[in-house]
């Protein structure tokens, strides 16, 4: 927990100069789906109410478009701060973020194995790990339309050429340094 407290203090320091103008909220294309506005989230961070922030979906809906960072009149690194919140939440394995985490991990695993995303394998693994037998049925109609249009093909999984191995090794090395 000491490293978590240090991470929260670092995030708080990043947004300390915030004047609560609301430009981040007005600039955010995903604000409509968030349970807390970005401005409200930063206020909670400044007040030290990290549990309330991590219990929300706000930071997990950030698409890292950098609009808040670009438009912030104080020039605060808001997108970077949200990235740090995401890292903190990932280390905690919060249940309300489980589906997004599994989606990301299966996506990256497919790219690592094949050098690209093999949609059928990727979604099959994702649905299996979600352990909800009804979940694939919610996407069956869309999957059928994508197949008819040739956007997704039934194919046997193949190994990639290995061209991305060095990239993933470099990322792992960089992550271990920080």
C-alpha atoms as a PDB file:
ATOM      1  CA  UNK A   1       0.000   0.000   0.000  1.00  0.00           C
ATOM      2  CA  UNK A   2       2.855   2.501   0.431  1.00  0.00           C
ATOM      3  CA  UNK A   3       3.457   2.485  -3.342  1.00  0.00           C
ATOM      4  CA  UNK A   4      -0.273   3.058  -3.865  1.00  0.00           C
ATOM      5  CA  UNK A   5      -0.219   6.053  -1.517  1.00  0.00           C
ATOM      6  CA  UNK A   6       2.805   7.402  -3.390  1.00  0.00           C
ATOM      7  CA  UNK A   7       1.019   6.928  -6.736  1.00  0.00           C
ATOM      8  CA  UNK A   8      -2.055   8.763  -5.441  1.00  0.00           C
ATOM      9  CA  UNK A   9       0.109  11.597  -4.119  1.00  0.00           C
ATOM     10  CA  UNK A  10       1.787  11.842  -7.523  1.00  0.00           C
ATOM     11  CA  UNK A  11      -1.585  12.013  -9.293  1.00  0.00           C
ATOM     12  CA  UNK A  12      -2.784  14.634  -6.826  1.00  0.00           C
ATOM     13  CA  UNK A  13       0.358  16.698  -7.479  1.00  0.00           C
ATOM     14  CA  UNK A  14      -0.289  16.505 -11.236  1.00  0.00           C
ATOM     15  CA  UNK A  15      -3.749  18.065 -10.857  1.00  0.00           C
ATOM     16  CA  UNK A  16      -3.045  20.306  -7.843  1.00  0.00           C
ATOM     17  CA  UNK A  17      -3.053  23.527  -9.935  1.00  0.00           C
ATOM     18  CA  UNK A  18      -6.567  22.708 -11.262  1.00  0.00           C
ATOM     19  CA  UNK A  19      -8.870  25.744 -11.061  1.00  0.00           C
ATOM     20  CA  UNK A  20     -12.040  23.660 -11.589  1.00  0.00           C
ATOM     21  CA  UNK A  21     -13.000  25.586 -14.728  1.00  0.00           C
ATOM     22  CA  UNK A  22     -14.724  22.570 -16.331  1.00  0.00           C
ATOM     23  CA  UNK A  23     -12.907  22.797 -19.668  1.00  0.00           C
ATOM     24  CA  UNK A  24     -11.908  19.140 -19.323  1.00  0.00           C
ATOM     25  CA  UNK A  25     -15.555  18.130 -18.974  1.00  0.00           C
ATOM     26  CA  UNK A  26     -16.656  20.304 -21.886  1.00  0.00           C
ATOM     27  CA  UNK A  27     -13.884  18.873 -24.079  1.00  0.00           C
ATOM     28  CA  UNK A  28     -14.417  15.200 -23.263  1.00  0.00           C
ATOM     29  CA  UNK A  29     -16.189  13.239 -26.036  1.00  0.00           C
ATOM     30  CA  UNK A  30     -17.068  10.434 -23.591  1.00  0.00           C
ATOM     31  CA  UNK A  31     -18.414  12.590 -20.761  1.00  0.00           C
ATOM     32  CA  UNK A  32     -22.014  11.678 -21.626  1.00  0.00           C
ATOM     33  CA  UNK A  33     -21.380   8.068 -20.502  1.00  0.00           C
ATOM     34  CA  UNK A  34     -19.434   8.860 -17.327  1.00  0.00           C
ATOM     35  CA  UNK A  35     -20.916   8.637 -13.849  1.00  0.00           C
ATOM     36  CA  UNK A  36     -18.681  11.491 -12.639  1.00  0.00           C
ATOM     37  CA  UNK A  37     -17.700  14.389 -14.851  1.00  0.00           C
ATOM     38  CA  UNK A  38     -13.935  14.778 -15.317  1.00  0.00           C
ATOM     39  CA  UNK A  39     -14.060  18.011 -13.313  1.00  0.00           C
ATOM     40  CA  UNK A  40     -15.823  16.249 -10.440  1.00  0.00           C
ATOM     41  CA  UNK A  41     -13.315  13.392 -10.614  1.00  0.00           C
ATOM     42  CA  UNK A  42     -10.363  15.799 -10.340  1.00  0.00           C
ATOM     43  CA  UNK A  43     -12.021  17.510  -7.384  1.00  0.00           C
ATOM     44  CA  UNK A  44     -12.358  14.156  -5.618  1.00  0.00           C
ATOM     45  CA  UNK A  45      -8.689  13.407  -6.350  1.00  0.00           C
ATOM     46  CA  UNK A  46      -7.697  16.762  -4.858  1.00  0.00           C
ATOM     47  CA  UNK A  47      -9.787  16.032  -1.770  1.00  0.00           C
ATOM     48  CA  UNK A  48      -8.051  12.665  -1.362  1.00  0.00           C
ATOM     49  CA  UNK A  49     -11.210  10.646  -2.045  1.00  0.00           C
ATOM     50  CA  UNK A  50      -9.491   8.052  -4.214  1.00  0.00           C
ATOM     51  CA  UNK A  51     -11.881   5.253  -3.246  1.00  0.00           C
ATOM     52  CA  UNK A  52     -14.815   7.176  -4.699  1.00  0.00           C
ATOM     53  CA  UNK A  53     -12.866   7.862  -7.899  1.00  0.00           C
ATOM     54  CA  UNK A  54     -11.769   4.227  -8.285  1.00  0.00           C
ATOM     55  CA  UNK A  55     -15.340   3.037  -7.668  1.00  0.00           C
ATOM     56  CA  UNK A  56     -16.528   5.112 -10.644  1.00  0.00           C
ATOM     57  CA  UNK A  57     -16.311   4.265 -14.347  1.00  0.00           C
ATOM     58  CA  UNK A  58     -15.141   7.738 -15.348  1.00  0.00           C
ATOM     59  CA  UNK A  59     -11.423   7.147 -15.746  1.00  0.00           C
ATOM     60  CA  UNK A  60     -11.970   3.766 -17.420  1.00  0.00           C
ATOM     61  CA  UNK A  61     -14.049   5.431 -20.162  1.00  0.00           C
ATOM     62  CA  UNK A  62     -11.245   7.813 -21.111  1.00  0.00           C
ATOM     63  CA  UNK A  63     -10.165   7.167 -24.705  1.00  0.00           C
ATOM     64  CA  UNK A  64      -6.899   9.105 -24.270  1.00  0.00           C
ATOM     65  CA  UNK A  65      -7.825  11.596 -26.988  1.00  0.00           C
ATOM     66  CA  UNK A  66      -5.880  14.321 -25.128  1.00  0.00           C
ATOM     67  CA  UNK A  67      -8.606  16.938 -25.678  1.00  0.00           C
ATOM     68  CA  UNK A  68      -8.708  17.747 -21.950  1.00  0.00           C
ATOM     69  CA  UNK A  69      -4.935  18.109 -21.820  1.00  0.00           C
ATOM     70  CA  UNK A  70      -4.806  20.243 -24.964  1.00  0.00           C
ATOM     71  CA  UNK A  71      -7.583  22.578 -23.841  1.00  0.00           C
ATOM     72  CA  UNK A  72      -6.736  22.878 -20.136  1.00  0.00           C
ATOM     73  CA  UNK A  73      -5.964  26.564 -19.458  1.00  0.00           C
ATOM     74  CA  UNK A  74      -3.407  25.505 -16.836  1.00  0.00           C
ATOM     75  CA  UNK A  75      -1.735  23.009 -19.194  1.00  0.00           C
ATOM     76  CA  UNK A  76      -2.200  20.124 -16.765  1.00  0.00           C
ATOM     77  CA  UNK A  77      -1.281  16.582 -17.903  1.00  0.00           C
ATOM     78  CA  UNK A  78      -4.817  15.286 -17.336  1.00  0.00           C
ATOM     79  CA  UNK A  79      -4.622  12.386 -19.786  1.00  0.00           C
ATOM     80  CA  UNK A  80      -1.416  11.192 -18.148  1.00  0.00           C
ATOM     81  CA  UNK A  81      -3.049  11.462 -14.715  1.00  0.00           C
ATOM     82  CA  UNK A  82      -5.999   9.378 -15.923  1.00  0.00           C
ATOM     83  CA  UNK A  83      -3.520   6.827 -17.267  1.00  0.00           C
ATOM     84  CA  UNK A  84      -1.992   6.596 -13.803  1.00  0.00           C
ATOM     85  CA  UNK A  85      -5.459   6.086 -12.293  1.00  0.00           C
ATOM     86  CA  UNK A  86      -6.032   3.254 -14.781  1.00  0.00           C
ATOM     87  CA  UNK A  87      -2.731   1.639 -13.748  1.00  0.00           C
ATOM     88  CA  UNK A  88      -3.678   1.929 -10.092  1.00  0.00           C
ATOM     89  CA  UNK A  89      -7.079   0.351 -10.748  1.00  0.00           C
ATOM     90  CA  UNK A  90      -5.478  -2.463 -12.773  1.00  0.00           C
ATOM     91  CA  UNK A  91      -3.172  -3.316  -9.872  1.00  0.00           C
ATOM     92  CA  UNK A  92      -6.206  -3.522  -7.572  1.00  0.00           C
ATOM     93  CA  UNK A  93      -8.148  -5.842  -9.939  1.00  0.00           C
ATOM     94  CA  UNK A  94     -11.394  -3.959  -9.330  1.00  0.00           C
ATOM     95  CA  UNK A  95     -14.445  -6.087 -10.210  1.00  0.00           C
ATOM     96  CA  UNK A  96     -16.334  -3.345 -12.085  1.00  0.00           C
ATOM     97  CA  UNK A  97     -13.376  -3.025 -14.493  1.00  0.00           C
ATOM     98  CA  UNK A  98     -12.947  -6.774 -15.057  1.00  0.00           C
ATOM     99  CA  UNK A  99     -14.575  -6.952 -18.499  1.00  0.00           C
ATOM    100  CA  UNK A 100     -12.420  -4.151 -19.907  1.00  0.00           C
ATOM    101  CA  UNK A 101      -9.292  -5.715 -18.440  1.00  0.00           C
ATOM    102  CA  UNK A 102     -10.112  -9.137 -19.935  1.00  0.00           C
ATOM    103  CA  UNK A 103     -10.914  -7.540 -23.292  1.00  0.00           C
ATOM    104  CA  UNK A 104      -7.560  -5.729 -23.334  1.00  0.00           C
ATOM    105  CA  UNK A 105      -5.558  -8.786 -22.228  1.00  0.00           C
ATOM    106  CA  UNK A 106      -7.159 -11.065 -24.846  1.00  0.00           C
ATOM    107  CA  UNK A 107      -6.693  -8.451 -27.564  1.00  0.00           C
ATOM    108  CA  UNK A 108      -2.984  -8.093 -26.759  1.00  0.00           C
ATOM    109  CA  UNK A 109      -2.560 -11.875 -26.462  1.00  0.00           C
ATOM    110  CA  UNK A 110      -4.008 -12.320 -29.961  1.00  0.00           C
ATOM    111  CA  UNK A 111      -1.702  -9.674 -31.412  1.00  0.00           C
ATOM    112  CA  UNK A 112       1.272 -11.211 -29.605  1.00  0.00           C
ATOM    113  CA  UNK A 113       0.467 -14.700 -30.950  1.00  0.00           C
ATOM    114  CA  UNK A 114      -0.461 -13.829 -34.518  1.00  0.00           C
ATOM    115  CA  UNK A 115       0.966 -10.395 -35.247  1.00  0.00           C
ATOM    116  CA  UNK A 116      -2.604  -9.159 -35.693  1.00  0.00           C
ATOM    117  CA  UNK A 117      -6.003  -9.708 -34.120  1.00  0.00           C
ATOM    118  CA  UNK A 118      -7.731 -12.966 -35.004  1.00  0.00           C
ATOM    119  CA  UNK A 119     -11.246 -11.831 -34.202  1.00  0.00           C
ATOM    120  CA  UNK A 120     -12.906 -15.211 -33.772  1.00  0.00           C
ATOM    121  CA  UNK A 121     -10.249 -16.546 -31.417  1.00  0.00           C
ATOM    122  CA  UNK A 122     -10.048 -13.246 -29.556  1.00  0.00           C
ATOM    123  CA  UNK A 123     -13.786 -12.939 -28.948  1.00  0.00           C
ATOM    124  CA  UNK A 124     -14.155 -16.650 -28.181  1.00  0.00           C
ATOM    125  CA  UNK A 125     -11.532 -16.442 -25.439  1.00  0.00           C
ATOM    126  CA  UNK A 126     -13.014 -13.211 -24.125  1.00  0.00           C
ATOM    127  CA  UNK A 127     -16.537 -14.637 -23.928  1.00  0.00           C
ATOM    128  CA  UNK A 128     -15.262 -17.836 -22.270  1.00  0.00           C
ATOM    129  CA  UNK A 129     -13.374 -15.875 -19.620  1.00  0.00           C
ATOM    130  CA  UNK A 130     -16.367 -13.648 -18.909  1.00  0.00           C
ATOM    131  CA  UNK A 131     -18.214 -16.830 -17.836  1.00  0.00           C
ATOM    132  CA  UNK A 132     -21.597 -15.479 -18.886  1.00  0.00           C
ATOM    133  CA  UNK A 133     -23.329 -17.920 -21.257  1.00  0.00           C
ATOM    134  CA  UNK A 134     -25.707 -15.202 -22.517  1.00  0.00           C
ATOM    135  CA  UNK A 135     -23.024 -12.656 -23.435  1.00  0.00           C
ATOM    136  CA  UNK A 136     -22.156 -14.119 -26.877  1.00  0.00           C
ATOM    137  CA  UNK A 137     -25.844 -14.066 -27.804  1.00  0.00           C
ATOM    138  CA  UNK A 138     -25.910 -10.282 -27.342  1.00  0.00           C
ATOM    139  CA  UNK A 139     -23.279  -9.983 -30.075  1.00  0.00           C
ATOM    140  CA  UNK A 140     -24.444 -12.789 -32.379  1.00  0.00           C
ATOM    141  CA  UNK A 141     -26.405 -10.490 -34.706  1.00  0.00           C
ATOM    142  CA  UNK A 142     -23.510  -8.111 -35.156  1.00  0.00           C
ATOM    143  CA  UNK A 143     -21.106 -11.040 -35.662  1.00  0.00           C
ATOM    144  CA  UNK A 144     -23.339 -12.471 -38.377  1.00  0.00           C
ATOM    145  CA  UNK A 145     -23.520  -9.132 -40.195  1.00  0.00           C
ATOM    146  CA  UNK A 146     -19.744  -8.732 -40.021  1.00  0.00           C
ATOM    147  CA  UNK A 147     -19.251 -12.227 -41.471  1.00  0.00           C
ATOM    148  CA  UNK A 148     -21.724 -11.626 -44.315  1.00  0.00           C
ATOM    149  CA  UNK A 149     -19.858  -8.441 -45.244  1.00  0.00           C
ATOM    150  CA  UNK A 150     -16.503 -10.212 -45.124  1.00  0.00           C
ATOM    151  CA  UNK A 151     -15.222  -8.144 -42.201  1.00  0.00           C
ATOM    152  CA  UNK A 152     -14.667 -11.214 -39.996  1.00  0.00           C
ATOM    153  CA  UNK A 153     -13.678 -14.580 -41.402  1.00  0.00           C
ATOM    154  CA  UNK A 154     -13.768 -18.068 -39.984  1.00  0.00           C
ATOM    155  CA  UNK A 155     -10.164 -19.197 -40.133  1.00  0.00           C
ATOM    156  CA  UNK A 156      -7.844 -21.548 -38.390  1.00  0.00           C
ATOM    157  CA  UNK A 157      -5.493 -19.768 -36.011  1.00  0.00           C
ATOM    158  CA  UNK A 158      -1.963 -19.456 -37.299  1.00  0.00           C
ATOM    159  CA  UNK A 159       1.223 -18.280 -35.709  1.00  0.00           C
ATOM    160  CA  UNK A 160       2.424 -14.831 -36.666  1.00  0.00           C
ATOM    161  CA  UNK A 161       5.749 -14.181 -38.279  1.00  0.00           C
ATOM    162  CA  UNK A 162       7.240 -13.151 -34.948  1.00  0.00           C
ATOM    163  CA  UNK A 163       7.939  -9.614 -36.115  1.00  0.00           C
ATOM    164  CA  UNK A 164       6.320  -8.161 -33.010  1.00  0.00           C
ATOM    165  CA  UNK A 165       8.284 -10.261 -30.512  1.00  0.00           C
ATOM    166  CA  UNK A 166      10.990  -7.617 -30.125  1.00  0.00           C
ATOM    167  CA  UNK A 167       8.374  -4.911 -29.645  1.00  0.00           C
ATOM    168  CA  UNK A 168       6.668  -6.806 -26.812  1.00  0.00           C
ATOM    169  CA  UNK A 169      10.040  -7.604 -25.222  1.00  0.00           C
ATOM    170  CA  UNK A 170      10.980  -3.918 -25.313  1.00  0.00           C
ATOM    171  CA  UNK A 171       7.649  -2.917 -23.729  1.00  0.00           C
ATOM    172  CA  UNK A 172       8.116  -5.510 -20.959  1.00  0.00           C
ATOM    173  CA  UNK A 173      11.636  -4.200 -20.358  1.00  0.00           C
ATOM    174  CA  UNK A 174      10.369  -0.608 -20.144  1.00  0.00           C
ATOM    175  CA  UNK A 175       7.553  -1.610 -17.771  1.00  0.00           C
ATOM    176  CA  UNK A 176       9.997  -3.406 -15.475  1.00  0.00           C
ATOM    177  CA  UNK A 177      12.163  -0.280 -15.261  1.00  0.00           C
ATOM    178  CA  UNK A 178       9.317   1.926 -14.028  1.00  0.00           C
END
